[in-house]
Amino acid sequence: FIFSAVTKALDLHAFAVQVSYYGVV
């Protein structure tokens, strides 16, 4: 869980784009 949080936090904008691909938000 910590490793997953770190890799997301390193580029939060890129992760936000990935979140948008889910089509929910």
PDB file of all heavy atoms in Angstrom:
ATOM      1  N   PHE A   1       0.828  -1.211   0.000  1.00  0.00           N
ATOM      2  CA  PHE A   1       0.000   0.000   0.000  1.00  0.00           C
ATOM      3  C   PHE A   1       0.865   1.266   0.000  1.00  0.00           C
ATOM      4  O   PHE A   1       0.567   2.230  -0.711  1.00  0.00           O
ATOM      5  CB  PHE A   1      -0.939   0.001   1.207  1.00  0.00           C
ATOM      6  CG  PHE A   1      -2.243  -0.703   0.958  1.00  0.00           C
ATOM      7  CD1 PHE A   1      -2.331  -2.080   1.027  1.00  0.00           C
ATOM      8  CD2 PHE A   1      -3.384   0.010   0.633  1.00  0.00           C
ATOM      9  CE1 PHE A   1      -3.525  -2.733   0.795  1.00  0.00           C
ATOM     10  CE2 PHE A   1      -4.591  -0.628   0.395  1.00  0.00           C
ATOM     11  CZ  PHE A   1      -4.661  -2.013   0.470  1.00  0.00           C
ATOM     12  N   ILE A   2       1.928   1.269   0.794  1.00  0.00           N
ATOM     13  CA  ILE A   2       2.807   2.443   0.835  1.00  0.00           C
ATOM     14  C   ILE A   2       3.513   2.626  -0.502  1.00  0.00           C
ATOM     15  O   ILE A   2       3.613   3.750  -1.025  1.00  0.00           O
ATOM     16  CB  ILE A   2       3.841   2.312   1.965  1.00  0.00           C
ATOM     17  CG1 ILE A   2       3.154   2.475   3.325  1.00  0.00           C
ATOM     18  CG2 ILE A   2       4.946   3.347   1.824  1.00  0.00           C
ATOM     19  CD1 ILE A   2       2.625   3.859   3.599  1.00  0.00           C
ATOM     20  N   PHE A   3       3.984   1.523  -1.095  1.00  0.00           N
ATOM     21  CA  PHE A   3       4.652   1.611  -2.399  1.00  0.00           C
ATOM     22  C   PHE A   3       3.694   2.140  -3.458  1.00  0.00           C
ATOM     23  O   PHE A   3       4.047   2.973  -4.293  1.00  0.00           O
ATOM     24  CB  PHE A   3       5.191   0.236  -2.807  1.00  0.00           C
ATOM     25  CG  PHE A   3       5.875   0.229  -4.149  1.00  0.00           C
ATOM     26  CD1 PHE A   3       7.114   0.823  -4.309  1.00  0.00           C
ATOM     27  CD2 PHE A   3       5.272  -0.375  -5.244  1.00  0.00           C
ATOM     28  CE1 PHE A   3       7.742   0.822  -5.546  1.00  0.00           C
ATOM     29  CE2 PHE A   3       5.892  -0.374  -6.481  1.00  0.00           C
ATOM     30  CZ  PHE A   3       7.136   0.221  -6.634  1.00  0.00           C
ATOM     31  N   SER A   4       2.452   1.670  -3.408  1.00  0.00           N
ATOM     32  CA  SER A   4       1.444   2.139  -4.353  1.00  0.00           C
ATOM     33  C   SER A   4       1.190   3.633  -4.173  1.00  0.00           C
ATOM     34  O   SER A   4       1.088   4.392  -5.150  1.00  0.00           O
ATOM     35  CB  SER A   4       0.142   1.353  -4.154  1.00  0.00           C
ATOM     36  OG  SER A   4      -0.875   1.816  -5.013  1.00  0.00           O
ATOM     37  N   ALA A   5       1.106   4.088  -2.923  1.00  0.00           N
ATOM     38  CA  ALA A   5       0.886   5.510  -2.657  1.00  0.00           C
ATOM     39  C   ALA A   5       2.064   6.353  -3.128  1.00  0.00           C
ATOM     40  O   ALA A   5       1.886   7.443  -3.688  1.00  0.00           O
ATOM     41  CB  ALA A   5       0.643   5.727  -1.161  1.00  0.00           C
ATOM     42  N   VAL A   6       3.284   5.844  -2.936  1.00  0.00           N
ATOM     43  CA  VAL A   6       4.482   6.593  -3.353  1.00  0.00           C
ATOM     44  C   VAL A   6       4.522   6.769  -4.865  1.00  0.00           C
ATOM     45  O   VAL A   6       4.760   7.871  -5.380  1.00  0.00           O
ATOM     46  CB  VAL A   6       5.763   5.879  -2.868  1.00  0.00           C
ATOM     47  CG1 VAL A   6       7.008   6.462  -3.551  1.00  0.00           C
ATOM     48  CG2 VAL A   6       5.900   6.010  -1.361  1.00  0.00           C
ATOM     49  N   THR A   7       4.283   5.684  -5.615  1.00  0.00           N
ATOM     50  CA  THR A   7       4.360   5.781  -7.079  1.00  0.00           C
ATOM     51  C   THR A   7       3.279   6.720  -7.629  1.00  0.00           C
ATOM     52  O   THR A   7       3.495   7.379  -8.656  1.00  0.00           O
ATOM     53  CB  THR A   7       4.215   4.390  -7.726  1.00  0.00           C
ATOM     54  OG1 THR A   7       3.025   3.748  -7.232  1.00  0.00           O
ATOM     55  CG2 THR A   7       5.430   3.519  -7.413  1.00  0.00           C
ATOM     56  N   LYS A   8       2.142   6.786  -6.969  1.00  0.00           N
ATOM     57  CA  LYS A   8       1.118   7.737  -7.385  1.00  0.00           C
ATOM     58  C   LYS A   8       1.512   9.166  -7.024  1.00  0.00           C
ATOM     59  O   LYS A   8       1.331  10.103  -7.809  1.00  0.00           O
ATOM     60  CB  LYS A   8      -0.220   7.392  -6.726  1.00  0.00           C
ATOM     61  CG  LYS A   8      -0.865   6.081  -7.189  1.00  0.00           C
ATOM     62  CD  LYS A   8      -2.150   5.843  -6.428  1.00  0.00           C
ATOM     63  CE  LYS A   8      -2.907   4.616  -6.924  1.00  0.00           C
ATOM     64  NZ  LYS A   8      -2.250   3.362  -6.577  1.00  0.00           N
ATOM     65  N   ALA A   9       2.050   9.341  -5.814  1.00  0.00           N
ATOM     66  CA  ALA A   9       2.393  10.680  -5.332  1.00  0.00           C
ATOM     67  C   ALA A   9       3.525  11.307  -6.135  1.00  0.00           C
ATOM     68  O   ALA A   9       3.626  12.531  -6.214  1.00  0.00           O
ATOM     69  CB  ALA A   9       2.783  10.616  -3.849  1.00  0.00           C
ATOM     70  N   LEU A  10       4.380  10.477  -6.737  1.00  0.00           N
ATOM     71  CA  LEU A  10       5.499  11.010  -7.519  1.00  0.00           C
ATOM     72  C   LEU A  10       5.033  11.803  -8.734  1.00  0.00           C
ATOM     73  O   LEU A  10       5.743  12.678  -9.217  1.00  0.00           O
ATOM     74  CB  LEU A  10       6.421   9.864  -7.961  1.00  0.00           C
ATOM     75  CG  LEU A  10       7.335   9.303  -6.876  1.00  0.00           C
ATOM     76  CD1 LEU A  10       8.009   8.019  -7.365  1.00  0.00           C
ATOM     77  CD2 LEU A  10       8.386  10.330  -6.461  1.00  0.00           C
ATOM     78  N   ASP A  11       3.848  11.485  -9.247  1.00  0.00           N
ATOM     79  CA  ASP A  11       3.276  12.246 -10.364  1.00  0.00           C
ATOM     80  C   ASP A  11       1.761  12.227 -10.202  1.00  0.00           C
ATOM     81  O   ASP A  11       1.057  11.459 -10.849  1.00  0.00           O
ATOM     82  CB  ASP A  11       3.686  11.649 -11.710  1.00  0.00           C
ATOM     83  CG  ASP A  11       3.390  12.576 -12.877  1.00  0.00           C
ATOM     84  OD1 ASP A  11       2.554  13.486 -12.698  1.00  0.00           O
ATOM     85  OD2 ASP A  11       3.962  12.383 -13.965  1.00  0.00           O
ATOM     86  N   LEU A  12       1.276  13.103  -9.334  1.00  0.00           N
ATOM     87  CA  LEU A  12      -0.147  13.110  -9.013  1.00  0.00           C
ATOM     88  C   LEU A  12      -0.999  13.488 -10.213  1.00  0.00           C
ATOM     89  O   LEU A  12      -2.119  12.994 -10.372  1.00  0.00           O
ATOM     90  CB  LEU A  12      -0.406  14.089  -7.859  1.00  0.00           C
ATOM     91  CG  LEU A  12      -0.097  13.546  -6.458  1.00  0.00           C
ATOM     92  CD1 LEU A  12      -0.118  14.681  -5.444  1.00  0.00           C
ATOM     93  CD2 LEU A  12      -1.087  12.455  -6.067  1.00  0.00           C
ATOM     94  N   HIS A  13      -0.476  14.365 -11.069  1.00  0.00           N
ATOM     95  CA  HIS A  13      -1.258  14.768 -12.235  1.00  0.00           C
ATOM     96  C   HIS A  13      -1.455  13.588 -13.182  1.00  0.00           C
ATOM     97  O   HIS A  13      -2.557  13.359 -13.692  1.00  0.00           O
ATOM     98  CB  HIS A  13      -0.588  15.914 -12.970  1.00  0.00           C
ATOM     99  CG  HIS A  13      -1.370  16.418 -14.144  1.00  0.00           C
ATOM    100  ND1 HIS A  13      -1.150  15.951 -15.427  1.00  0.00           N
ATOM    101  CD2 HIS A  13      -2.390  17.294 -14.229  1.00  0.00           C
ATOM    102  CE1 HIS A  13      -1.991  16.544 -16.255  1.00  0.00           C
ATOM    103  NE2 HIS A  13      -2.756  17.370 -15.557  1.00  0.00           N
ATOM    104  N   ALA A  14      -0.387  12.821 -13.427  1.00  0.00           N
ATOM    105  CA  ALA A  14      -0.502  11.651 -14.299  1.00  0.00           C
ATOM    106  C   ALA A  14      -1.477  10.638 -13.704  1.00  0.00           C
ATOM    107  O   ALA A  14      -2.265  10.021 -14.426  1.00  0.00           O
ATOM    108  CB  ALA A  14       0.867  11.012 -14.509  1.00  0.00           C
ATOM    109  N   PHE A  15      -1.444  10.475 -12.372  1.00  0.00           N
ATOM    110  CA  PHE A  15      -2.381   9.546 -11.740  1.00  0.00           C
ATOM    111  C   PHE A  15      -3.812  10.057 -11.875  1.00  0.00           C
ATOM    112  O   PHE A  15      -4.747   9.277 -12.098  1.00  0.00           O
ATOM    113  CB  PHE A  15      -2.029   9.344 -10.265  1.00  0.00           C
ATOM    114  CG  PHE A  15      -3.012   8.495  -9.520  1.00  0.00           C
ATOM    115  CD1 PHE A  15      -3.329   7.217  -9.970  1.00  0.00           C
ATOM    116  CD2 PHE A  15      -3.654   8.979  -8.390  1.00  0.00           C
ATOM    117  CE1 PHE A  15      -4.256   6.428  -9.295  1.00  0.00           C
ATOM    118  CE2 PHE A  15      -4.573   8.201  -7.715  1.00  0.00           C
ATOM    119  CZ  PHE A  15      -4.874   6.926  -8.163  1.00  0.00           C
ATOM    120  N   ALA A  16      -4.009  11.375 -11.773  1.00  0.00           N
ATOM    121  CA  ALA A  16      -5.349  11.947 -11.947  1.00  0.00           C
ATOM    122  C   ALA A  16      -5.889  11.642 -13.341  1.00  0.00           C
ATOM    123  O   ALA A  16      -7.076  11.333 -13.513  1.00  0.00           O
ATOM    124  CB  ALA A  16      -5.313  13.450 -11.701  1.00  0.00           C
ATOM    125  N   VAL A  17      -5.017  11.719 -14.350  1.00  0.00           N
ATOM    126  CA  VAL A  17      -5.443  11.382 -15.714  1.00  0.00           C
ATOM    127  C   VAL A  17      -5.852   9.915 -15.778  1.00  0.00           C
ATOM    128  O   VAL A  17      -6.857   9.566 -16.411  1.00  0.00           O
ATOM    129  CB  VAL A  17      -4.316  11.684 -16.717  1.00  0.00           C
ATOM    130  CG1 VAL A  17      -4.698  11.217 -18.114  1.00  0.00           C
ATOM    131  CG2 VAL A  17      -4.008  13.188 -16.743  1.00  0.00           C
ATOM    132  N   GLN A  18      -5.078   9.048 -15.108  1.00  0.00           N
ATOM    133  CA  GLN A  18      -5.433   7.623 -15.095  1.00  0.00           C
ATOM    134  C   GLN A  18      -6.780   7.403 -14.414  1.00  0.00           C
ATOM    135  O   GLN A  18      -7.576   6.559 -14.844  1.00  0.00           O
ATOM    136  CB  GLN A  18      -4.337   6.830 -14.384  1.00  0.00           C
ATOM    137  CG  GLN A  18      -3.037   6.744 -15.176  1.00  0.00           C
ATOM    138  CD  GLN A  18      -1.922   6.090 -14.380  1.00  0.00           C
ATOM    139  OE1 GLN A  18      -1.729   6.385 -13.198  1.00  0.00           O
ATOM    140  NE2 GLN A  18      -1.176   5.203 -15.027  1.00  0.00           N
ATOM    141  N   VAL A  19      -7.056   8.160 -13.357  1.00  0.00           N
ATOM    142  CA  VAL A  19      -8.345   8.059 -12.670  1.00  0.00           C
ATOM    143  C   VAL A  19      -9.489   8.406 -13.628  1.00  0.00           C
ATOM    144  O   VAL A  19     -10.536   7.750 -13.635  1.00  0.00           O
ATOM    145  CB  VAL A  19      -8.378   8.994 -11.437  1.00  0.00           C
ATOM    146  CG1 VAL A  19      -9.802   9.125 -10.885  1.00  0.00           C
ATOM    147  CG2 VAL A  19      -7.439   8.477 -10.351  1.00  0.00           C
ATOM    148  N   SER A  20      -9.270   9.422 -14.456  1.00  0.00           N
ATOM    149  CA  SER A  20     -10.332   9.843 -15.381  1.00  0.00           C
ATOM    150  C   SER A  20     -10.640   8.764 -16.414  1.00  0.00           C
ATOM    151  O   SER A  20     -11.757   8.705 -16.935  1.00  0.00           O
ATOM    152  CB  SER A  20      -9.946  11.146 -16.080  1.00  0.00           C
ATOM    153  OG  SER A  20      -8.861  10.953 -16.969  1.00  0.00           O
ATOM    154  N   TYR A  21      -9.676   7.885 -16.721  1.00  0.00           N
ATOM    155  CA  TYR A  21      -9.914   6.820 -17.690  1.00  0.00           C
ATOM    156  C   TYR A  21     -10.938   5.796 -17.177  1.00  0.00           C
ATOM    157  O   TYR A  21     -11.491   5.043 -17.971  1.00  0.00           O
ATOM    158  CB  TYR A  21      -8.608   6.100 -18.031  1.00  0.00           C
ATOM    159  CG  TYR A  21      -7.820   6.768 -19.131  1.00  0.00           C
ATOM    160  CD1 TYR A  21      -6.679   7.512 -18.837  1.00  0.00           C
ATOM    161  CD2 TYR A  21      -8.208   6.665 -20.458  1.00  0.00           C
ATOM    162  CE1 TYR A  21      -5.950   8.144 -19.845  1.00  0.00           C
ATOM    163  CE2 TYR A  21      -7.491   7.282 -21.462  1.00  0.00           C
ATOM    164  CZ  TYR A  21      -6.365   8.022 -21.152  1.00  0.00           C
ATOM    165  OH  TYR A  21      -5.657   8.639 -22.150  1.00  0.00           O
ATOM    166  N   TYR A  22     -11.196   5.769 -15.874  1.00  0.00           N
ATOM    167  CA  TYR A  22     -12.198   4.851 -15.348  1.00  0.00           C
ATOM    168  C   TYR A  22     -13.604   5.287 -15.748  1.00  0.00           C
ATOM    169  O   TYR A  22     -14.545   4.491 -15.687  1.00  0.00           O
ATOM    170  CB  TYR A  22     -12.091   4.780 -13.826  1.00  0.00           C
ATOM    171  CG  TYR A  22     -10.994   3.877 -13.340  1.00  0.00           C
ATOM    172  CD1 TYR A  22      -9.662   4.281 -13.363  1.00  0.00           C
ATOM    173  CD2 TYR A  22     -11.273   2.603 -12.855  1.00  0.00           C
ATOM    174  CE1 TYR A  22      -8.646   3.455 -12.925  1.00  0.00           C
ATOM    175  CE2 TYR A  22     -10.264   1.763 -12.403  1.00  0.00           C
ATOM    176  CZ  TYR A  22      -8.954   2.199 -12.441  1.00  0.00           C
ATOM    177  OH  TYR A  22      -7.949   1.369 -12.006  1.00  0.00           O
ATOM    178  N   GLY A  23     -13.756   6.555 -16.142  1.00  0.00           N
ATOM    179  CA  GLY A  23     -15.041   7.034 -16.633  1.00  0.00           C
ATOM    180  C   GLY A  23     -16.071   7.284 -15.558  1.00  0.00           C
ATOM    181  O   GLY A  23     -17.231   7.563 -15.865  1.00  0.00           O
ATOM    182  N   VAL A  24     -15.694   7.181 -14.286  1.00  0.00           N
ATOM    183  CA  VAL A  24     -16.637   7.419 -13.196  1.00  0.00           C
ATOM    184  C   VAL A  24     -16.671   8.902 -12.833  1.00  0.00           C
ATOM    185  O   VAL A  24     -17.729   9.489 -12.640  1.00  0.00           O
ATOM    186  CB  VAL A  24     -16.264   6.572 -11.959  1.00  0.00           C
ATOM    187  CG1 VAL A  24     -17.204   6.864 -10.798  1.00  0.00           C
ATOM    188  CG2 VAL A  24     -16.289   5.090 -12.303  1.00  0.00           C
ATOM    189  N   VAL A  25     -15.496   9.511 -12.736  1.00  0.00           N
ATOM    190  CA  VAL A  25     -15.367  10.944 -12.462  1.00  0.00           C
ATOM    191  C   VAL A  25     -14.569  11.555 -13.596  1.00  0.00           C
ATOM    192  O   VAL A  25     -13.438  11.139 -13.861  1.00  0.00           O
ATOM    193  CB  VAL A  25     -14.655  11.210 -11.120  1.00  0.00           C
ATOM    194  CG1 VAL A  25     -14.552  12.712 -10.863  1.00  0.00           C
ATOM    195  CG2 VAL A  25     -15.394  10.520  -9.981  1.00  0.00           C
TER     196      VAL A  25
END
